[in-house]
Amino acid sequence: MKSRLFSFLISGDYYSDLHGEPCKIIRAIHEVIHYIRNGRNCIASMGRFQQEFEPLTKAQAERIAEEIETAEHLKCLRAMRAA
């Protein structure tokens, strides 16, 4: 894996995880990062965060969230049609 160094993390910054899901930083305390993913509060170690997360702009995070929502809606519609 590539090595990255995060100089600092700011509350409100957006990142994507290994699955491409947008995450919003709540707070960073020493070696622990608190973030929101899919409406759930999550925690990651600094090492895991550095290896598995990529920075996003707010616009990128919103676009990804919209695309995921659209995909889920289409999946639901297809299931309704198949029933």
PDB file of N, CA and C in Angstrom:
ATOM      1  N   MET A   1       0.829  -1.173   0.000  1.00  0.00           N
ATOM      2  CA  MET A   1       0.000   0.000   0.000  1.00  0.00           C
ATOM      3  C   MET A   1       0.878   1.242   0.000  1.00  0.00           C
ATOM      4  N   LYS A   2       0.343   2.293  -0.565  1.00  0.00           N
ATOM      5  CA  LYS A   2       1.101   3.527  -0.581  1.00  0.00           C
ATOM      6  C   LYS A   2       1.074   4.168   0.803  1.00  0.00           C
ATOM      7  N   SER A   3       2.136   4.845   1.121  1.00  0.00           N
ATOM      8  CA  SER A   3       2.239   5.487   2.424  1.00  0.00           C
ATOM      9  C   SER A   3       1.803   6.940   2.300  1.00  0.00           C
ATOM     10  N   ARG A   4       0.932   7.356   3.208  1.00  0.00           N
ATOM     11  CA  ARG A   4       0.473   8.733   3.226  1.00  0.00           C
ATOM     12  C   ARG A   4       0.625   9.267   4.638  1.00  0.00           C
ATOM     13  N   LEU A   5       0.828  10.552   4.746  1.00  0.00           N
ATOM     14  CA  LEU A   5       0.898  11.184   6.052  1.00  0.00           C
ATOM     15  C   LEU A   5      -0.139  12.282   6.096  1.00  0.00           C
ATOM     16  N   PHE A   6      -1.079  12.154   7.020  1.00  0.00           N
ATOM     17  CA  PHE A   6      -2.064  13.200   7.219  1.00  0.00           C
ATOM     18  C   PHE A   6      -1.485  14.166   8.238  1.00  0.00           C
ATOM     19  N   SER A   7      -1.265  15.415   7.845  1.00  0.00           N
ATOM     20  CA  SER A   7      -0.693  16.360   8.789  1.00  0.00           C
ATOM     21  C   SER A   7      -1.708  16.719   9.868  1.00  0.00           C
ATOM     22  N   PHE A   8      -2.963  16.840   9.501  1.00  0.00           N
ATOM     23  CA  PHE A   8      -4.015  17.091  10.471  1.00  0.00           C
ATOM     24  C   PHE A   8      -5.360  16.779   9.850  1.00  0.00           C
ATOM     25  N   LEU A   9      -6.310  16.442  10.680  1.00  0.00           N
ATOM     26  CA  LEU A   9      -7.669  16.169  10.247  1.00  0.00           C
ATOM     27  C   LEU A   9      -8.576  17.199  10.905  1.00  0.00           C
ATOM     28  N   ILE A  10      -9.478  17.738  10.133  1.00  0.00           N
ATOM     29  CA  ILE A  10     -10.359  18.787  10.624  1.00  0.00           C
ATOM     30  C   ILE A  10     -11.795  18.272  10.644  1.00  0.00           C
ATOM     31  N   SER A  11     -12.509  18.565  11.729  1.00  0.00           N
ATOM     32  CA  SER A  11     -13.924  18.205  11.795  1.00  0.00           C
ATOM     33  C   SER A  11     -14.647  18.803  10.605  1.00  0.00           C
ATOM     34  N   GLY A  12     -15.493  17.986   9.990  1.00  0.00           N
ATOM     35  CA  GLY A  12     -16.232  18.438   8.823  1.00  0.00           C
ATOM     36  C   GLY A  12     -15.596  18.064   7.501  1.00  0.00           C
ATOM     37  N   ASP A  13     -14.341  17.600   7.513  1.00  0.00           N
ATOM     38  CA  ASP A  13     -13.692  17.150   6.278  1.00  0.00           C
ATOM     39  C   ASP A  13     -14.349  15.855   5.811  1.00  0.00           C
ATOM     40  N   TYR A  14     -14.293  15.604   4.513  1.00  0.00           N
ATOM     41  CA  TYR A  14     -14.890  14.412   3.916  1.00  0.00           C
ATOM     42  C   TYR A  14     -13.808  13.489   3.384  1.00  0.00           C
ATOM     43  N   TYR A  15     -14.044  12.196   3.546  1.00  0.00           N
ATOM     44  CA  TYR A  15     -13.150  11.152   3.049  1.00  0.00           C
ATOM     45  C   TYR A  15     -13.998  10.023   2.496  1.00  0.00           C
ATOM     46  N   SER A  16     -13.393   9.176   1.685  1.00  0.00           N
ATOM     47  CA  SER A  16     -14.087   7.966   1.237  1.00  0.00           C
ATOM     48  C   SER A  16     -13.353   6.767   1.817  1.00  0.00           C
ATOM     49  N   ASP A  17     -14.111   5.730   2.136  1.00  0.00           N
ATOM     50  CA  ASP A  17     -13.506   4.532   2.703  1.00  0.00           C
ATOM     51  C   ASP A  17     -13.179   3.539   1.592  1.00  0.00           C
ATOM     52  N   LEU A  18     -12.768   2.340   1.965  1.00  0.00           N
ATOM     53  CA  LEU A  18     -12.392   1.315   0.978  1.00  0.00           C
ATOM     54  C   LEU A  18     -13.531   0.946   0.037  1.00  0.00           C
ATOM     55  N   HIS A  19     -14.774   1.114   0.486  1.00  0.00           N
ATOM     56  CA  HIS A  19     -15.939   0.765  -0.318  1.00  0.00           C
ATOM     57  C   HIS A  19     -16.442   1.941  -1.156  1.00  0.00           C
ATOM     58  N   GLY A  20     -15.752   3.065  -1.080  1.00  0.00           N
ATOM     59  CA  GLY A  20     -16.150   4.240  -1.840  1.00  0.00           C
ATOM     60  C   GLY A  20     -17.260   5.045  -1.186  1.00  0.00           C
ATOM     61  N   GLU A  21     -17.615   4.709   0.048  1.00  0.00           N
ATOM     62  CA  GLU A  21     -18.666   5.423   0.769  1.00  0.00           C
ATOM     63  C   GLU A  21     -18.103   6.725   1.325  1.00  0.00           C
ATOM     64  N   PRO A  22     -18.843   7.814   1.200  1.00  0.00           N
ATOM     65  CA  PRO A  22     -18.371   9.068   1.791  1.00  0.00           C
ATOM     66  C   PRO A  22     -18.505   9.044   3.314  1.00  0.00           C
ATOM     67  N   CYS A  23     -17.520   9.621   3.979  1.00  0.00           N
ATOM     68  CA  CYS A  23     -17.496   9.697   5.442  1.00  0.00           C
ATOM     69  C   CYS A  23     -17.158  11.131   5.824  1.00  0.00           C
ATOM     70  N   LYS A  24     -17.747  11.602   6.914  1.00  0.00           N
ATOM     71  CA  LYS A  24     -17.482  12.949   7.399  1.00  0.00           C
ATOM     72  C   LYS A  24     -16.802  12.854   8.763  1.00  0.00           C
ATOM     73  N   ILE A  25     -15.686  13.564   8.916  1.00  0.00           N
ATOM     74  CA  ILE A  25     -14.946  13.555  10.167  1.00  0.00           C
ATOM     75  C   ILE A  25     -15.737  14.311  11.233  1.00  0.00           C
ATOM     76  N   ILE A  26     -15.921  13.675  12.387  1.00  0.00           N
ATOM     77  CA  ILE A  26     -16.546  14.340  13.527  1.00  0.00           C
ATOM     78  C   ILE A  26     -15.454  14.975  14.377  1.00  0.00           C
ATOM     79  N   ARG A  27     -14.446  14.152  14.723  1.00  0.00           N
ATOM     80  CA  ARG A  27     -13.308  14.670  15.475  1.00  0.00           C
ATOM     81  C   ARG A  27     -12.150  13.685  15.376  1.00  0.00           C
ATOM     82  N   ALA A  28     -10.965  14.213  15.587  1.00  0.00           N
ATOM     83  CA  ALA A  28      -9.753  13.395  15.605  1.00  0.00           C
ATOM     84  C   ALA A  28      -9.057  13.635  16.936  1.00  0.00           C
ATOM     85  N   ILE A  29      -8.858  12.568  17.693  1.00  0.00           N
ATOM     86  CA  ILE A  29      -8.231  12.666  19.001  1.00  0.00           C
ATOM     87  C   ILE A  29      -7.022  11.742  19.020  1.00  0.00           C
ATOM     88  N   HIS A  30      -5.854  12.303  19.080  1.00  0.00           N
ATOM     89  CA  HIS A  30      -4.585  11.580  19.163  1.00  0.00           C
ATOM     90  C   HIS A  30      -4.523  10.461  18.122  1.00  0.00           C
ATOM     91  N   GLU A  31      -4.806   9.243  18.475  1.00  0.00           N
ATOM     92  CA  GLU A  31      -4.705   8.109  17.556  1.00  0.00           C
ATOM     93  C   GLU A  31      -6.059   7.547  17.144  1.00  0.00           C
ATOM     94  N   VAL A  32      -7.153   8.272  17.386  1.00  0.00           N
ATOM     95  CA  VAL A  32      -8.489   7.779  17.078  1.00  0.00           C
ATOM     96  C   VAL A  32      -9.247   8.824  16.253  1.00  0.00           C
ATOM     97  N   ILE A  33      -9.888   8.356  15.188  1.00  0.00           N
ATOM     98  CA  ILE A  33     -10.686   9.216  14.329  1.00  0.00           C
ATOM     99  C   ILE A  33     -12.147   8.825  14.484  1.00  0.00           C
ATOM    100  N   HIS A  34     -13.006   9.794  14.764  1.00  0.00           N
ATOM    101  CA  HIS A  34     -14.446   9.569  14.846  1.00  0.00           C
ATOM    102  C   HIS A  34     -15.054  10.144  13.568  1.00  0.00           C
ATOM    103  N   TYR A  35     -15.900   9.361  12.903  1.00  0.00           N
ATOM    104  CA  TYR A  35     -16.489   9.804  11.646  1.00  0.00           C
ATOM    105  C   TYR A  35     -17.901   9.262  11.498  1.00  0.00           C
ATOM    106  N   ILE A  36     -18.657   9.854  10.579  1.00  0.00           N
ATOM    107  CA  ILE A  36     -20.010   9.399  10.273  1.00  0.00           C
ATOM    108  C   ILE A  36     -19.990   8.743   8.899  1.00  0.00           C
ATOM    109  N   ARG A  37     -20.552   7.544   8.829  1.00  0.00           N
ATOM    110  CA  ARG A  37     -20.675   6.806   7.567  1.00  0.00           C
ATOM    111  C   ARG A  37     -22.076   6.215   7.522  1.00  0.00           C
ATOM    112  N   ASN A  38     -22.815   6.519   6.484  1.00  0.00           N
ATOM    113  CA  ASN A  38     -24.192   6.030   6.332  1.00  0.00           C
ATOM    114  C   ASN A  38     -25.057   6.348   7.547  1.00  0.00           C
ATOM    115  N   GLY A  39     -24.861   7.521   8.133  1.00  0.00           N
ATOM    116  CA  GLY A  39     -25.655   7.936   9.279  1.00  0.00           C
ATOM    117  C   GLY A  39     -25.249   7.309  10.594  1.00  0.00           C
ATOM    118  N   ARG A  40     -24.184   6.546  10.597  1.00  0.00           N
ATOM    119  CA  ARG A  40     -23.717   5.887  11.819  1.00  0.00           C
ATOM    120  C   ARG A  40     -22.391   6.468  12.269  1.00  0.00           C
ATOM    121  N   ASN A  41     -22.227   6.612  13.568  1.00  0.00           N
ATOM    122  CA  ASN A  41     -20.951   7.053  14.117  1.00  0.00           C
ATOM    123  C   ASN A  41     -19.990   5.875  14.138  1.00  0.00           C
ATOM    124  N   CYS A  42     -18.785   6.097  13.642  1.00  0.00           N
ATOM    125  CA  CYS A  42     -17.776   5.043  13.558  1.00  0.00           C
ATOM    126  C   CYS A  42     -16.456   5.561  14.116  1.00  0.00           C
ATOM    127  N   ILE A  43     -15.571   4.636  14.433  1.00  0.00           N
ATOM    128  CA  ILE A  43     -14.259   4.975  14.970  1.00  0.00           C
ATOM    129  C   ILE A  43     -13.210   4.164  14.219  1.00  0.00           C
ATOM    130  N   ALA A  44     -12.077   4.800  13.929  1.00  0.00           N
ATOM    131  CA  ALA A  44     -10.955   4.109  13.289  1.00  0.00           C
ATOM    132  C   ALA A  44      -9.659   4.583  13.930  1.00  0.00           C
ATOM    133  N   SER A  45      -8.687   3.698  13.993  1.00  0.00           N
ATOM    134  CA  SER A  45      -7.366   4.100  14.465  1.00  0.00           C
ATOM    135  C   SER A  45      -6.726   4.980  13.392  1.00  0.00           C
ATOM    136  N   MET A  46      -5.771   5.791  13.796  1.00  0.00           N
ATOM    137  CA  MET A  46      -5.081   6.662  12.845  1.00  0.00           C
ATOM    138  C   MET A  46      -4.396   5.826  11.765  1.00  0.00           C
ATOM    139  N   GLY A  47      -3.786   4.706  12.138  1.00  0.00           N
ATOM    140  CA  GLY A  47      -3.114   3.847  11.155  1.00  0.00           C
ATOM    141  C   GLY A  47      -4.077   3.308  10.123  1.00  0.00           C
ATOM    142  N   ARG A  48      -5.208   2.791  10.580  1.00  0.00           N
ATOM    143  CA  ARG A  48      -6.225   2.272   9.651  1.00  0.00           C
ATOM    144  C   ARG A  48      -6.756   3.396   8.776  1.00  0.00           C
ATOM    145  N   PHE A  49      -7.019   4.536   9.376  1.00  0.00           N
ATOM    146  CA  PHE A  49      -7.548   5.665   8.621  1.00  0.00           C
ATOM    147  C   PHE A  49      -6.580   6.080   7.516  1.00  0.00           C
ATOM    148  N   GLN A  50      -5.299   6.141   7.843  1.00  0.00           N
ATOM    149  CA  GLN A  50      -4.295   6.545   6.853  1.00  0.00           C
ATOM    150  C   GLN A  50      -4.212   5.573   5.692  1.00  0.00           C
ATOM    151  N   GLN A  51      -4.444   4.294   5.936  1.00  0.00           N
ATOM    152  CA  GLN A  51      -4.327   3.294   4.885  1.00  0.00           C
ATOM    153  C   GLN A  51      -5.599   3.123   4.068  1.00  0.00           C
ATOM    154  N   GLU A  52      -6.768   3.323   4.676  1.00  0.00           N
ATOM    155  CA  GLU A  52      -8.026   2.957   4.022  1.00  0.00           C
ATOM    156  C   GLU A  52      -8.880   4.121   3.531  1.00  0.00           C
ATOM    157  N   PHE A  53      -8.543   5.354   3.864  1.00  0.00           N
ATOM    158  CA  PHE A  53      -9.394   6.480   3.516  1.00  0.00           C
ATOM    159  C   PHE A  53      -8.682   7.454   2.584  1.00  0.00           C
ATOM    160  N   GLU A  54      -9.472   8.053   1.683  1.00  0.00           N
ATOM    161  CA  GLU A  54      -8.958   9.039   0.737  1.00  0.00           C
ATOM    162  C   GLU A  54      -9.732  10.340   0.919  1.00  0.00           C
ATOM    163  N   PRO A  55      -9.070  11.483   0.843  1.00  0.00           N
ATOM    164  CA  PRO A  55      -9.771  12.762   1.017  1.00  0.00           C
ATOM    165  C   PRO A  55     -10.718  13.070  -0.141  1.00  0.00           C
ATOM    166  N   LEU A  56     -11.819  13.742   0.174  1.00  0.00           N
ATOM    167  CA  LEU A  56     -12.811  14.176  -0.805  1.00  0.00           C
ATOM    168  C   LEU A  56     -13.170  15.633  -0.544  1.00  0.00           C
ATOM    169  N   THR A  57     -13.660  16.297  -1.569  1.00  0.00           N
ATOM    170  CA  THR A  57     -14.261  17.606  -1.348  1.00  0.00           C
ATOM    171  C   THR A  57     -15.714  17.374  -0.950  1.00  0.00           C
ATOM    172  N   LYS A  58     -16.348  18.399  -0.427  1.00  0.00           N
ATOM    173  CA  LYS A  58     -17.750  18.267  -0.040  1.00  0.00           C
ATOM    174  C   LYS A  58     -18.601  17.932  -1.259  1.00  0.00           C
ATOM    175  N   ALA A  59     -18.311  18.558  -2.395  1.00  0.00           N
ATOM    176  CA  ALA A  59     -19.070  18.303  -3.627  1.00  0.00           C
ATOM    177  C   ALA A  59     -18.919  16.853  -4.073  1.00  0.00           C
ATOM    178  N   GLN A  60     -17.715  16.305  -3.980  1.00  0.00           N
ATOM    179  CA  GLN A  60     -17.493  14.910  -4.345  1.00  0.00           C
ATOM    180  C   GLN A  60     -18.274  13.984  -3.414  1.00  0.00           C
ATOM    181  N   ALA A  61     -18.237  14.267  -2.127  1.00  0.00           N
ATOM    182  CA  ALA A  61     -18.954  13.435  -1.154  1.00  0.00           C
ATOM    183  C   ALA A  61     -20.454  13.470  -1.423  1.00  0.00           C
ATOM    184  N   GLU A  62     -21.005  14.641  -1.719  1.00  0.00           N
ATOM    185  CA  GLU A  62     -22.434  14.755  -2.010  1.00  0.00           C
ATOM    186  C   GLU A  62     -22.802  13.997  -3.270  1.00  0.00           C
ATOM    187  N   ARG A  63     -21.956  14.077  -4.287  1.00  0.00           N
ATOM    188  CA  ARG A  63     -22.223  13.375  -5.547  1.00  0.00           C
ATOM    189  C   ARG A  63     -22.209  11.860  -5.342  1.00  0.00           C
ATOM    190  N   ILE A  64     -21.243  11.365  -4.598  1.00  0.00           N
ATOM    191  CA  ILE A  64     -21.167   9.931  -4.322  1.00  0.00           C
ATOM    192  C   ILE A  64     -22.406   9.481  -3.559  1.00  0.00           C
ATOM    193  N   ALA A  65     -22.812  10.253  -2.550  1.00  0.00           N
ATOM    194  CA  ALA A  65     -24.002   9.905  -1.769  1.00  0.00           C
ATOM    195  C   ALA A  65     -25.247   9.866  -2.655  1.00  0.00           C
ATOM    196  N   GLU A  66     -25.370  10.816  -3.578  1.00  0.00           N
ATOM    197  CA  GLU A  66     -26.512  10.833  -4.502  1.00  0.00           C
ATOM    198  C   GLU A  66     -26.496   9.614  -5.414  1.00  0.00           C
ATOM    199  N   GLU A  67     -25.314   9.243  -5.916  1.00  0.00           N
ATOM    200  CA  GLU A  67     -25.206   8.078  -6.795  1.00  0.00           C
ATOM    201  C   GLU A  67     -25.569   6.796  -6.055  1.00  0.00           C
ATOM    202  N   ILE A  68     -25.150   6.675  -4.803  1.00  0.00           N
ATOM    203  CA  ILE A  68     -25.488   5.502  -4.004  1.00  0.00           C
ATOM    204  C   ILE A  68     -26.989   5.451  -3.763  1.00  0.00           C
ATOM    205  N   GLU A  69     -27.583   6.590  -3.442  1.00  0.00           N
ATOM    206  CA  GLU A  69     -29.032   6.653  -3.212  1.00  0.00           C
ATOM    207  C   GLU A  69     -29.808   6.274  -4.472  1.00  0.00           C
ATOM    208  N   THR A  70     -29.363   6.756  -5.621  1.00  0.00           N
ATOM    209  CA  THR A  70     -30.015   6.422  -6.891  1.00  0.00           C
ATOM    210  C   THR A  70     -29.914   4.926  -7.173  1.00  0.00           C
ATOM    211  N   ALA A  71     -28.732   4.353  -6.946  1.00  0.00           N
ATOM    212  CA  ALA A  71     -28.545   2.917  -7.180  1.00  0.00           C
ATOM    213  C   ALA A  71     -29.456   2.086  -6.272  1.00  0.00           C
ATOM    214  N   GLU A  72     -29.584   2.499  -5.013  1.00  0.00           N
ATOM    215  CA  GLU A  72     -30.455   1.775  -4.087  1.00  0.00           C
ATOM    216  C   GLU A  72     -31.918   1.893  -4.500  1.00  0.00           C
ATOM    217  N   HIS A  73     -32.309   3.064  -4.981  1.00  0.00           N
ATOM    218  CA  HIS A  73     -33.683   3.283  -5.436  1.00  0.00           C
ATOM    219  C   HIS A  73     -33.994   2.402  -6.654  1.00  0.00           C
ATOM    220  N   LEU A  74     -33.057   2.352  -7.596  1.00  0.00           N
ATOM    221  CA  LEU A  74     -33.242   1.509  -8.780  1.00  0.00           C
ATOM    222  C   LEU A  74     -33.338   0.039  -8.402  1.00  0.00           C
ATOM    223  N   LYS A  75     -32.526  -0.387  -7.446  1.00  0.00           N
ATOM    224  CA  LYS A  75     -32.569  -1.768  -6.980  1.00  0.00           C
ATOM    225  C   LYS A  75     -33.943  -2.087  -6.390  1.00  0.00           C
ATOM    226  N   CYS A  76     -34.483  -1.163  -5.612  1.00  0.00           N
ATOM    227  CA  CYS A  76     -35.800  -1.342  -5.015  1.00  0.00           C
ATOM    228  C   CYS A  76     -36.887  -1.407  -6.087  1.00  0.00           C
ATOM    229  N   LEU A  77     -36.817  -0.539  -7.091  1.00  0.00           N
ATOM    230  CA  LEU A  77     -37.793  -0.542  -8.169  1.00  0.00           C
ATOM    231  C   LEU A  77     -37.749  -1.851  -8.965  1.00  0.00           C
ATOM    232  N   ARG A  78     -36.554  -2.351  -9.218  1.00  0.00           N
ATOM    233  CA  ARG A  78     -36.410  -3.615  -9.935  1.00  0.00           C
ATOM    234  C   ARG A  78     -37.005  -4.770  -9.143  1.00  0.00           C
ATOM    235  N   ALA A  79     -36.788  -4.748  -7.819  1.00  0.00           N
ATOM    236  CA  ALA A  79     -37.356  -5.799  -6.971  1.00  0.00           C
ATOM    237  C   ALA A  79     -38.869  -5.733  -6.966  1.00  0.00           C
ATOM    238  N   MET A  80     -39.439  -4.534  -6.976  1.00  0.00           N
ATOM    239  CA  MET A  80     -40.890  -4.375  -7.004  1.00  0.00           C
ATOM    240  C   MET A  80     -41.447  -4.885  -8.335  1.00  0.00           C
ATOM    241  N   ARG A  81     -40.748  -4.597  -9.408  1.00  0.00           N
ATOM    242  CA  ARG A  81     -41.199  -5.029 -10.742  1.00  0.00           C
ATOM    243  C   ARG A  81     -41.127  -6.549 -10.868  1.00  0.00           C
ATOM    244  N   ALA A  82     -40.118  -7.155 -10.263  1.00  0.00           N
ATOM    245  CA  ALA A  82     -39.937  -8.598 -10.351  1.00  0.00           C
ATOM    246  C   ALA A  82     -40.972  -9.352  -9.505  1.00  0.00           C
ATOM    247  N   ALA A  83     -41.511  -8.700  -8.504  1.00  0.00           N
ATOM    248  CA  ALA A  83     -42.452  -9.375  -7.608  1.00  0.00           C
ATOM    249  C   ALA A  83     -43.827  -9.524  -8.198  1.00  0.00           C
TER     250      ALA A  83
END
